[in-house]
Amino acid sequence: MFPRSRTWARSLNATLPTSGRRPKRLTAATTAIALAAPVITLLAAPVSAQAATTAAAAAPDFKVLVFSKTTGFRHDSIPEGIAAVQKLGQDNNFAVDTTEDSA
């Protein structure tokens, strides 16, 4: 075993800090980066959202057909259900076609 005075850093000829504290410049730089990162993220978010909206408007991933023909009783919530599926399509980039024509 190595004596206590010989640590791995000394055996690799590395310089050891004289105190257990970091230099103030390093701490200030780390603090500046920590404070700037959220601001950069907030500034970049609207650009990313606009790019995603443009890409989403370009071409839908897939199509969905909502067929709502009924015989007899017609439920009052069918138009609301169609609107909900259309909203899901807008939010998740898929096209929604609606019809009651069985042909």
PDB file of N, CA and C in Angstrom:
ATOM      1  N   MET A   1       0.817  -1.185   0.000  1.00  0.00           N
ATOM      2  CA  MET A   1       0.000   0.000   0.000  1.00  0.00           C
ATOM      3  C   MET A   1       0.868   1.259   0.000  1.00  0.00           C
ATOM      4  N   PHE A   2       0.293   2.310  -0.503  1.00  0.00           N
ATOM      5  CA  PHE A   2       0.994   3.583  -0.516  1.00  0.00           C
ATOM      6  C   PHE A   2       0.909   4.227   0.864  1.00  0.00           C
ATOM      7  N   PRO A   3       1.906   4.978   1.225  1.00  0.00           N
ATOM      8  CA  PRO A   3       1.779   5.758   2.460  1.00  0.00           C
ATOM      9  C   PRO A   3       0.712   6.826   2.279  1.00  0.00           C
ATOM     10  N   ARG A   4       0.227   7.357   3.364  1.00  0.00           N
ATOM     11  CA  ARG A   4      -0.855   8.344   3.298  1.00  0.00           C
ATOM     12  C   ARG A   4      -0.461   9.590   2.526  1.00  0.00           C
ATOM     13  N   SER A   5       0.764   9.957   2.527  1.00  0.00           N
ATOM     14  CA  SER A   5       1.178  11.173   1.837  1.00  0.00           C
ATOM     15  C   SER A   5       1.164  11.005   0.321  1.00  0.00           C
ATOM     16  N   ARG A   6       1.146   9.761  -0.140  1.00  0.00           N
ATOM     17  CA  ARG A   6       1.136   9.532  -1.596  1.00  0.00           C
ATOM     18  C   ARG A   6      -0.290   9.201  -2.024  1.00  0.00           C
ATOM     19  N   THR A   7      -0.966  10.138  -2.600  1.00  0.00           N
ATOM     20  CA  THR A   7      -2.302   9.907  -3.111  1.00  0.00           C
ATOM     21  C   THR A   7      -2.223   9.641  -4.598  1.00  0.00           C
ATOM     22  N   TRP A   8      -3.315   9.277  -5.210  1.00  0.00           N
ATOM     23  CA  TRP A   8      -3.329   9.010  -6.648  1.00  0.00           C
ATOM     24  C   TRP A   8      -2.942  10.250  -7.447  1.00  0.00           C
ATOM     25  N   ALA A   9      -3.339  11.415  -6.957  1.00  0.00           N
ATOM     26  CA  ALA A   9      -3.004  12.651  -7.667  1.00  0.00           C
ATOM     27  C   ALA A   9      -1.504  12.909  -7.641  1.00  0.00           C
ATOM     28  N   ARG A  10      -0.880  12.672  -6.511  1.00  0.00           N
ATOM     29  CA  ARG A  10       0.565  12.879  -6.423  1.00  0.00           C
ATOM     30  C   ARG A  10       1.306  11.839  -7.241  1.00  0.00           C
ATOM     31  N   SER A  11       0.777  10.613  -7.289  1.00  0.00           N
ATOM     32  CA  SER A  11       1.460   9.585  -8.068  1.00  0.00           C
ATOM     33  C   SER A  11       1.369   9.870  -9.567  1.00  0.00           C
ATOM     34  N   LEU A  12       0.369  10.643 -10.006  1.00  0.00           N
ATOM     35  CA  LEU A  12       0.238  11.031 -11.403  1.00  0.00           C
ATOM     36  C   LEU A  12       0.849  12.400 -11.682  1.00  0.00           C
ATOM     37  N   ASN A  13       1.538  12.959 -10.697  1.00  0.00           N
ATOM     38  CA  ASN A  13       2.154  14.283 -10.802  1.00  0.00           C
ATOM     39  C   ASN A  13       1.129  15.384 -11.074  1.00  0.00           C
ATOM     40  N   ALA A  14      -0.061  15.213 -10.587  1.00  0.00           N
ATOM     41  CA  ALA A  14      -1.094  16.232 -10.747  1.00  0.00           C
ATOM     42  C   ALA A  14      -0.945  17.264  -9.644  1.00  0.00           C
ATOM     43  N   THR A  15      -1.425  18.448  -9.908  1.00  0.00           N
ATOM     44  CA  THR A  15      -1.353  19.490  -8.894  1.00  0.00           C
ATOM     45  C   THR A  15      -2.581  19.399  -8.017  1.00  0.00           C
ATOM     46  N   LEU A  16      -2.362  19.499  -6.758  1.00  0.00           N
ATOM     47  CA  LEU A  16      -3.454  19.466  -5.796  1.00  0.00           C
ATOM     48  C   LEU A  16      -3.758  20.874  -5.334  1.00  0.00           C
ATOM     49  N   PRO A  17      -5.023  21.190  -5.108  1.00  0.00           N
ATOM     50  CA  PRO A  17      -5.333  22.525  -4.585  1.00  0.00           C
ATOM     51  C   PRO A  17      -4.795  22.649  -3.166  1.00  0.00           C
ATOM     52  N   THR A  18      -4.361  23.858  -2.811  1.00  0.00           N
ATOM     53  CA  THR A  18      -3.831  24.077  -1.468  1.00  0.00           C
ATOM     54  C   THR A  18      -4.947  24.135  -0.449  1.00  0.00           C
ATOM     55  N   SER A  19      -6.127  24.551  -0.870  1.00  0.00           N
ATOM     56  CA  SER A  19      -7.276  24.542   0.027  1.00  0.00           C
ATOM     57  C   SER A  19      -8.369  23.710  -0.627  1.00  0.00           C
ATOM     58  N   GLY A  20      -9.392  23.416   0.093  1.00  0.00           N
ATOM     59  CA  GLY A  20     -10.481  22.608  -0.436  1.00  0.00           C
ATOM     60  C   GLY A  20     -11.478  23.400  -1.256  1.00  0.00           C
ATOM     61  N   ARG A  21     -11.202  24.655  -1.539  1.00  0.00           N
ATOM     62  CA  ARG A  21     -12.155  25.503  -2.253  1.00  0.00           C
ATOM     63  C   ARG A  21     -11.761  25.635  -3.712  1.00  0.00           C
ATOM     64  N   ARG A  22     -12.760  25.833  -4.544  1.00  0.00           N
ATOM     65  CA  ARG A  22     -12.524  26.087  -5.963  1.00  0.00           C
ATOM     66  C   ARG A  22     -12.096  27.540  -6.157  1.00  0.00           C
ATOM     67  N   PRO A  23     -11.377  27.821  -7.234  1.00  0.00           N
ATOM     68  CA  PRO A  23     -11.079  29.229  -7.530  1.00  0.00           C
ATOM     69  C   PRO A  23     -12.367  29.997  -7.800  1.00  0.00           C
ATOM     70  N   LYS A  24     -12.398  31.263  -7.436  1.00  0.00           N
ATOM     71  CA  LYS A  24     -13.617  32.055  -7.569  1.00  0.00           C
ATOM     72  C   LYS A  24     -14.037  32.246  -9.013  1.00  0.00           C
ATOM     73  N   ARG A  25     -13.106  32.299  -9.938  1.00  0.00           N
ATOM     74  CA  ARG A  25     -13.467  32.455 -11.344  1.00  0.00           C
ATOM     75  C   ARG A  25     -14.278  31.267 -11.829  1.00  0.00           C
ATOM     76  N   LEU A  26     -13.896  30.071 -11.439  1.00  0.00           N
ATOM     77  CA  LEU A  26     -14.629  28.882 -11.846  1.00  0.00           C
ATOM     78  C   LEU A  26     -16.035  28.884 -11.260  1.00  0.00           C
ATOM     79  N   THR A  27     -16.164  29.275 -10.016  1.00  0.00           N
ATOM     80  CA  THR A  27     -17.473  29.332  -9.381  1.00  0.00           C
ATOM     81  C   THR A  27     -18.350  30.393 -10.048  1.00  0.00           C
ATOM     82  N   ALA A  28     -17.782  31.549 -10.360  1.00  0.00           N
ATOM     83  CA  ALA A  28     -18.550  32.612 -11.017  1.00  0.00           C
ATOM     84  C   ALA A  28     -18.982  32.172 -12.413  1.00  0.00           C
ATOM     85  N   ALA A  29     -18.095  31.487 -13.135  1.00  0.00           N
ATOM     86  CA  ALA A  29     -18.452  31.020 -14.476  1.00  0.00           C
ATOM     87  C   ALA A  29     -19.546  29.969 -14.402  1.00  0.00           C
ATOM     88  N   THR A  30     -19.451  29.070 -13.442  1.00  0.00           N
ATOM     89  CA  THR A  30     -20.484  28.042 -13.277  1.00  0.00           C
ATOM     90  C   THR A  30     -21.823  28.673 -12.931  1.00  0.00           C
ATOM     91  N   THR A  31     -21.803  29.673 -12.063  1.00  0.00           N
ATOM     92  CA  THR A  31     -23.039  30.374 -11.696  1.00  0.00           C
ATOM     93  C   THR A  31     -23.627  31.104 -12.899  1.00  0.00           C
ATOM     94  N   ALA A  32     -22.784  31.724 -13.700  1.00  0.00           N
ATOM     95  CA  ALA A  32     -23.272  32.443 -14.884  1.00  0.00           C
ATOM     96  C   ALA A  32     -23.930  31.484 -15.870  1.00  0.00           C
ATOM     97  N   ILE A  33     -23.329  30.324 -16.066  1.00  0.00           N
ATOM     98  CA  ILE A  33     -23.919  29.336 -16.975  1.00  0.00           C
ATOM     99  C   ILE A  33     -25.244  28.824 -16.425  1.00  0.00           C
ATOM    100  N   ALA A  34     -25.284  28.572 -15.109  1.00  0.00           N
ATOM    101  CA  ALA A  34     -26.512  28.079 -14.490  1.00  0.00           C
ATOM    102  C   ALA A  34     -27.642  29.096 -14.606  1.00  0.00           C
ATOM    103  N   LEU A  35     -27.325  30.376 -14.546  1.00  0.00           N
ATOM    104  CA  LEU A  35     -28.350  31.410 -14.667  1.00  0.00           C
ATOM    105  C   LEU A  35     -28.742  31.665 -16.118  1.00  0.00           C
ATOM    106  N   ALA A  36     -27.808  31.484 -17.042  1.00  0.00           N
ATOM    107  CA  ALA A  36     -28.093  31.760 -18.445  1.00  0.00           C
ATOM    108  C   ALA A  36     -28.838  30.620 -19.130  1.00  0.00           C
ATOM    109  N   ALA A  37     -28.671  29.404 -18.675  1.00  0.00           N
ATOM    110  CA  ALA A  37     -29.291  28.246 -19.336  1.00  0.00           C
ATOM    111  C   ALA A  37     -30.818  28.344 -19.403  1.00  0.00           C
ATOM    112  N   PRO A  38     -31.527  28.682 -18.308  1.00  0.00           N
ATOM    113  CA  PRO A  38     -32.991  28.800 -18.423  1.00  0.00           C
ATOM    114  C   PRO A  38     -33.434  29.913 -19.366  1.00  0.00           C
ATOM    115  N   VAL A  39     -32.691  31.016 -19.402  1.00  0.00           N
ATOM    116  CA  VAL A  39     -33.047  32.128 -20.284  1.00  0.00           C
ATOM    117  C   VAL A  39     -32.900  31.695 -21.744  1.00  0.00           C
ATOM    118  N   ILE A  40     -31.815  30.996 -22.041  1.00  0.00           N
ATOM    119  CA  ILE A  40     -31.604  30.517 -23.407  1.00  0.00           C
ATOM    120  C   ILE A  40     -32.698  29.537 -23.793  1.00  0.00           C
ATOM    121  N   THR A  41     -33.082  28.678 -22.866  1.00  0.00           N
ATOM    122  CA  THR A  41     -34.153  27.711 -23.126  1.00  0.00           C
ATOM    123  C   THR A  41     -35.471  28.428 -23.411  1.00  0.00           C
ATOM    124  N   LEU A  42     -35.783  29.459 -22.641  1.00  0.00           N
ATOM    125  CA  LEU A  42     -37.023  30.205 -22.863  1.00  0.00           C
ATOM    126  C   LEU A  42     -37.012  30.939 -24.195  1.00  0.00           C
ATOM    127  N   LEU A  43     -35.863  31.469 -24.564  1.00  0.00           N
ATOM    128  CA  LEU A  43     -35.784  32.171 -25.844  1.00  0.00           C
ATOM    129  C   LEU A  43     -35.868  31.208 -27.023  1.00  0.00           C
ATOM    130  N   ALA A  44     -35.366  30.012 -26.866  1.00  0.00           N
ATOM    131  CA  ALA A  44     -35.376  29.039 -27.950  1.00  0.00           C
ATOM    132  C   ALA A  44     -36.727  28.341 -28.079  1.00  0.00           C
ATOM    133  N   ALA A  45     -37.522  28.297 -27.028  1.00  0.00           N
ATOM    134  CA  ALA A  45     -38.792  27.574 -27.044  1.00  0.00           C
ATOM    135  C   ALA A  45     -39.771  28.090 -28.102  1.00  0.00           C
ATOM    136  N   PRO A  46     -40.006  29.414 -28.230  1.00  0.00           N
ATOM    137  CA  PRO A  46     -40.947  29.870 -29.256  1.00  0.00           C
ATOM    138  C   PRO A  46     -40.499  29.517 -30.674  1.00  0.00           C
ATOM    139  N   VAL A  47     -39.214  29.548 -30.937  1.00  0.00           N
ATOM    140  CA  VAL A  47     -38.710  29.195 -32.263  1.00  0.00           C
ATOM    141  C   VAL A  47     -39.007  27.731 -32.543  1.00  0.00           C
ATOM    142  N   SER A  48     -38.785  26.869 -31.550  1.00  0.00           N
ATOM    143  CA  SER A  48     -39.055  25.451 -31.718  1.00  0.00           C
ATOM    144  C   SER A  48     -40.548  25.200 -31.917  1.00  0.00           C
ATOM    145  N   ALA A  49     -41.381  25.921 -31.190  1.00  0.00           N
ATOM    146  CA  ALA A  49     -42.824  25.751 -31.319  1.00  0.00           C
ATOM    147  C   ALA A  49     -43.287  26.179 -32.715  1.00  0.00           C
ATOM    148  N   GLN A  50     -42.718  27.259 -33.247  1.00  0.00           N
ATOM    149  CA  GLN A  50     -43.094  27.708 -34.583  1.00  0.00           C
ATOM    150  C   GLN A  50     -42.655  26.700 -35.628  1.00  0.00           C
ATOM    151  N   ALA A  51     -41.472  26.139 -35.472  1.00  0.00           N
ATOM    152  CA  ALA A  51     -40.982  25.144 -36.419  1.00  0.00           C
ATOM    153  C   ALA A  51     -41.841  23.891 -36.372  1.00  0.00           C
ATOM    154  N   ALA A  52     -42.262  23.498 -35.162  1.00  0.00           N
ATOM    155  CA  ALA A  52     -43.119  22.317 -35.030  1.00  0.00           C
ATOM    156  C   ALA A  52     -44.479  22.571 -35.661  1.00  0.00           C
ATOM    157  N   THR A  53     -45.017  23.779 -35.496  1.00  0.00           N
ATOM    158  CA  THR A  53     -46.306  24.115 -36.084  1.00  0.00           C
ATOM    159  C   THR A  53     -46.217  24.103 -37.606  1.00  0.00           C
ATOM    160  N   THR A  54     -45.144  24.626 -38.163  1.00  0.00           N
ATOM    161  CA  THR A  54     -44.958  24.643 -39.610  1.00  0.00           C
ATOM    162  C   THR A  54     -44.826  23.230 -40.146  1.00  0.00           C
ATOM    163  N   ALA A  55     -44.080  22.385 -39.462  1.00  0.00           N
ATOM    164  CA  ALA A  55     -43.911  21.005 -39.898  1.00  0.00           C
ATOM    165  C   ALA A  55     -45.227  20.237 -39.780  1.00  0.00           C
ATOM    166  N   ALA A  56     -45.994  20.525 -38.733  1.00  0.00           N
ATOM    167  CA  ALA A  56     -47.266  19.838 -38.536  1.00  0.00           C
ATOM    168  C   ALA A  56     -48.270  20.224 -39.618  1.00  0.00           C
ATOM    169  N   ALA A  57     -48.213  21.469 -40.075  1.00  0.00           N
ATOM    170  CA  ALA A  57     -49.140  21.920 -41.097  1.00  0.00           C
ATOM    171  C   ALA A  57     -48.769  21.366 -42.471  1.00  0.00           C
ATOM    172  N   ALA A  58     -47.552  20.908 -42.634  1.00  0.00           N
ATOM    173  CA  ALA A  58     -47.084  20.445 -43.936  1.00  0.00           C
ATOM    174  C   ALA A  58     -47.812  19.181 -44.383  1.00  0.00           C
ATOM    175  N   ALA A  59     -47.748  18.124 -43.604  1.00  0.00           N
ATOM    176  CA  ALA A  59     -48.372  16.869 -44.009  1.00  0.00           C
ATOM    177  C   ALA A  59     -48.769  16.068 -42.772  1.00  0.00           C
ATOM    178  N   PRO A  60     -50.007  15.566 -42.728  1.00  0.00           N
ATOM    179  CA  PRO A  60     -50.413  14.769 -41.563  1.00  0.00           C
ATOM    180  C   PRO A  60     -49.716  13.406 -41.573  1.00  0.00           C
ATOM    181  N   ASP A  61     -49.544  12.847 -40.371  1.00  0.00           N
ATOM    182  CA  ASP A  61     -48.909  11.535 -40.232  1.00  0.00           C
ATOM    183  C   ASP A  61     -49.796  10.421 -40.788  1.00  0.00           C
ATOM    184  N   PHE A  62     -51.101  10.516 -40.558  1.00  0.00           N
ATOM    185  CA  PHE A  62     -52.051   9.517 -41.051  1.00  0.00           C
ATOM    186  C   PHE A  62     -53.442  10.133 -41.086  1.00  0.00           C
ATOM    187  N   LYS A  63     -54.419   9.385 -41.626  1.00  0.00           N
ATOM    188  CA  LYS A  63     -55.797   9.871 -41.733  1.00  0.00           C
ATOM    189  C   LYS A  63     -56.720   8.998 -40.897  1.00  0.00           C
ATOM    190  N   VAL A  64     -57.765   9.627 -40.374  1.00  0.00           N
ATOM    191  CA  VAL A  64     -58.782   8.935 -39.589  1.00  0.00           C
ATOM    192  C   VAL A  64     -60.138   9.255 -40.212  1.00  0.00           C
ATOM    193  N   LEU A  65     -60.979   8.242 -40.355  1.00  0.00           N
ATOM    194  CA  LEU A  65     -62.337   8.432 -40.852  1.00  0.00           C
ATOM    195  C   LEU A  65     -63.307   8.252 -39.697  1.00  0.00           C
ATOM    196  N   VAL A  66     -64.135   9.271 -39.465  1.00  0.00           N
ATOM    197  CA  VAL A  66     -65.174   9.190 -38.452  1.00  0.00           C
ATOM    198  C   VAL A  66     -66.490   8.970 -39.187  1.00  0.00           C
ATOM    199  N   PHE A  67     -67.035   7.768 -39.049  1.00  0.00           N
ATOM    200  CA  PHE A  67     -68.291   7.399 -39.698  1.00  0.00           C
ATOM    201  C   PHE A  67     -69.375   7.442 -38.637  1.00  0.00           C
ATOM    202  N   SER A  68     -70.374   8.318 -38.838  1.00  0.00           N
ATOM    203  CA  SER A  68     -71.363   8.542 -37.788  1.00  0.00           C
ATOM    204  C   SER A  68     -72.805   8.328 -38.244  1.00  0.00           C
ATOM    205  N   LYS A  69     -73.034   7.476 -39.239  1.00  0.00           N
ATOM    206  CA  LYS A  69     -74.392   7.198 -39.683  1.00  0.00           C
ATOM    207  C   LYS A  69     -75.101   6.361 -38.621  1.00  0.00           C
ATOM    208  N   THR A  70     -76.349   6.711 -38.360  1.00  0.00           N
ATOM    209  CA  THR A  70     -77.144   5.964 -37.387  1.00  0.00           C
ATOM    210  C   THR A  70     -78.467   5.562 -38.019  1.00  0.00           C
ATOM    211  N   THR A  71     -79.036   4.508 -37.497  1.00  0.00           N
ATOM    212  CA  THR A  71     -80.392   4.105 -37.893  1.00  0.00           C
ATOM    213  C   THR A  71     -81.240   4.131 -36.638  1.00  0.00           C
ATOM    214  N   GLY A  72     -82.295   4.869 -36.689  1.00  0.00           N
ATOM    215  CA  GLY A  72     -83.146   4.978 -35.504  1.00  0.00           C
ATOM    216  C   GLY A  72     -82.696   6.127 -34.622  1.00  0.00           C
ATOM    217  N   PHE A  73     -82.340   5.783 -33.400  1.00  0.00           N
ATOM    218  CA  PHE A  73     -81.973   6.804 -32.421  1.00  0.00           C
ATOM    219  C   PHE A  73     -80.663   7.489 -32.803  1.00  0.00           C
ATOM    220  N   ARG A  74     -80.647   8.815 -32.702  1.00  0.00           N
ATOM    221  CA  ARG A  74     -79.440   9.615 -32.978  1.00  0.00           C
ATOM    222  C   ARG A  74     -79.052  10.336 -31.697  1.00  0.00           C
ATOM    223  N   HIS A  75     -77.882  10.002 -31.157  1.00  0.00           N
ATOM    224  CA  HIS A  75     -77.439  10.588 -29.891  1.00  0.00           C
ATOM    225  C   HIS A  75     -77.026  12.039 -30.086  1.00  0.00           C
ATOM    226  N   ASP A  76     -77.346  12.875 -29.099  1.00  0.00           N
ATOM    227  CA  ASP A  76     -77.042  14.304 -29.188  1.00  0.00           C
ATOM    228  C   ASP A  76     -75.546  14.610 -29.098  1.00  0.00           C
ATOM    229  N   SER A  77     -74.753  13.685 -28.597  1.00  0.00           N
ATOM    230  CA  SER A  77     -73.328  13.972 -28.391  1.00  0.00           C
ATOM    231  C   SER A  77     -72.454  13.614 -29.597  1.00  0.00           C
ATOM    232  N   ILE A  78     -73.039  13.146 -30.694  1.00  0.00           N
ATOM    233  CA  ILE A  78     -72.245  12.782 -31.870  1.00  0.00           C
ATOM    234  C   ILE A  78     -71.476  13.981 -32.427  1.00  0.00           C
ATOM    235  N   PRO A  79     -72.088  15.153 -32.603  1.00  0.00           N
ATOM    236  CA  PRO A  79     -71.306  16.304 -33.091  1.00  0.00           C
ATOM    237  C   PRO A  79     -70.160  16.689 -32.148  1.00  0.00           C
ATOM    238  N   GLU A  80     -70.385  16.572 -30.843  1.00  0.00           N
ATOM    239  CA  GLU A  80     -69.322  16.885 -29.885  1.00  0.00           C
ATOM    240  C   GLU A  80     -68.187  15.862 -29.979  1.00  0.00           C
ATOM    241  N   GLY A  81     -68.525  14.601 -30.212  1.00  0.00           N
ATOM    242  CA  GLY A  81     -67.507  13.564 -30.379  1.00  0.00           C
ATOM    243  C   GLY A  81     -66.676  13.791 -31.628  1.00  0.00           C
ATOM    244  N   ILE A  82     -67.342  14.182 -32.713  1.00  0.00           N
ATOM    245  CA  ILE A  82     -66.625  14.485 -33.959  1.00  0.00           C
ATOM    246  C   ILE A  82     -65.681  15.663 -33.749  1.00  0.00           C
ATOM    247  N   ALA A  83     -66.157  16.700 -33.066  1.00  0.00           N
ATOM    248  CA  ALA A  83     -65.319  17.863 -32.791  1.00  0.00           C
ATOM    249  C   ALA A  83     -64.113  17.477 -31.923  1.00  0.00           C
ATOM    250  N   ALA A  84     -64.317  16.568 -30.972  1.00  0.00           N
ATOM    251  CA  ALA A  84     -63.211  16.134 -30.106  1.00  0.00           C
ATOM    252  C   ALA A  84     -62.149  15.381 -30.912  1.00  0.00           C
ATOM    253  N   VAL A  85     -62.570  14.519 -31.832  1.00  0.00           N
ATOM    254  CA  VAL A  85     -61.610  13.792 -32.669  1.00  0.00           C
ATOM    255  C   VAL A  85     -60.878  14.752 -33.598  1.00  0.00           C
ATOM    256  N   GLN A  86     -61.581  15.749 -34.124  1.00  0.00           N
ATOM    257  CA  GLN A  86     -60.925  16.738 -34.976  1.00  0.00           C
ATOM    258  C   GLN A  86     -59.888  17.539 -34.190  1.00  0.00           C
ATOM    259  N   LYS A  87     -60.196  17.888 -32.947  1.00  0.00           N
ATOM    260  CA  LYS A  87     -59.225  18.603 -32.099  1.00  0.00           C
ATOM    261  C   LYS A  87     -58.016  17.724 -31.826  1.00  0.00           C
ATOM    262  N   LEU A  88     -58.235  16.436 -31.562  1.00  0.00           N
ATOM    263  CA  LEU A  88     -57.114  15.515 -31.375  1.00  0.00           C
ATOM    264  C   LEU A  88     -56.245  15.452 -32.627  1.00  0.00           C
ATOM    265  N   GLY A  89     -56.891  15.485 -33.787  1.00  0.00           N
ATOM    266  CA  GLY A  89     -56.147  15.480 -35.043  1.00  0.00           C
ATOM    267  C   GLY A  89     -55.270  16.703 -35.205  1.00  0.00           C
ATOM    268  N   GLN A  90     -55.804  17.855 -34.842  1.00  0.00           N
ATOM    269  CA  GLN A  90     -55.010  19.090 -34.928  1.00  0.00           C
ATOM    270  C   GLN A  90     -53.836  19.054 -33.963  1.00  0.00           C
ATOM    271  N   ASP A  91     -54.078  18.562 -32.755  1.00  0.00           N
ATOM    272  CA  ASP A  91     -53.033  18.548 -31.736  1.00  0.00           C
ATOM    273  C   ASP A  91     -51.953  17.499 -32.012  1.00  0.00           C
ATOM    274  N   ASN A  92     -52.311  16.395 -32.673  1.00  0.00           N
ATOM    275  CA  ASN A  92     -51.383  15.275 -32.838  1.00  0.00           C
ATOM    276  C   ASN A  92     -51.014  14.988 -34.283  1.00  0.00           C
ATOM    277  N   ASN A  93     -51.281  15.925 -35.178  1.00  0.00           N
ATOM    278  CA  ASN A  93     -50.864  15.857 -36.574  1.00  0.00           C
ATOM    279  C   ASN A  93     -51.413  14.642 -37.320  1.00  0.00           C
ATOM    280  N   PHE A  94     -52.732  14.483 -37.302  1.00  0.00           N
ATOM    281  CA  PHE A  94     -53.366  13.526 -38.197  1.00  0.00           C
ATOM    282  C   PHE A  94     -54.632  14.144 -38.766  1.00  0.00           C
ATOM    283  N   ALA A  95     -54.984  13.729 -39.976  1.00  0.00           N
ATOM    284  CA  ALA A  95     -56.140  14.285 -40.677  1.00  0.00           C
ATOM    285  C   ALA A  95     -57.399  13.533 -40.254  1.00  0.00           C
ATOM    286  N   VAL A  96     -58.501  14.251 -40.179  1.00  0.00           N
ATOM    287  CA  VAL A  96     -59.775  13.661 -39.788  1.00  0.00           C
ATOM    288  C   VAL A  96     -60.795  13.945 -40.876  1.00  0.00           C
ATOM    289  N   ASP A  97     -61.356  12.874 -41.451  1.00  0.00           N
ATOM    290  CA  ASP A  97     -62.459  12.998 -42.398  1.00  0.00           C
ATOM    291  C   ASP A  97     -63.710  12.482 -41.708  1.00  0.00           C
ATOM    292  N   THR A  98     -64.831  13.192 -41.897  1.00  0.00           N
ATOM    293  CA  THR A  98     -66.090  12.775 -41.275  1.00  0.00           C
ATOM    294  C   THR A  98     -67.133  12.541 -42.372  1.00  0.00           C
ATOM    295  N   THR A  99     -67.954  11.547 -42.146  1.00  0.00           N
ATOM    296  CA  THR A  99     -69.023  11.256 -43.107  1.00  0.00           C
ATOM    297  C   THR A  99     -70.139  10.480 -42.426  1.00  0.00           C
ATOM    298  N   GLU A 100     -71.328  10.610 -43.023  1.00  0.00           N
ATOM    299  CA  GLU A 100     -72.465   9.773 -42.656  1.00  0.00           C
ATOM    300  C   GLU A 100     -72.930   8.972 -43.858  1.00  0.00           C
ATOM    301  N   ASP A 101     -72.219   9.101 -44.959  1.00  0.00           N
ATOM    302  CA  ASP A 101     -72.539   8.407 -46.203  1.00  0.00           C
ATOM    303  C   ASP A 101     -71.863   7.036 -46.200  1.00  0.00           C
ATOM    304  N   SER A 102     -72.655   5.980 -46.250  1.00  0.00           N
ATOM    305  CA  SER A 102     -72.089   4.628 -46.193  1.00  0.00           C
ATOM    306  C   SER A 102     -71.544   4.170 -47.549  1.00  0.00           C
ATOM    307  N   ALA A 103     -71.788   4.961 -48.589  1.00  0.00           N
ATOM    308  CA  ALA A 103     -71.266   4.591 -49.893  1.00  0.00           C
ATOM    309  C   ALA A 103     -69.812   4.947 -49.947  1.00  0.00           C
TER     310      ALA A 103
END
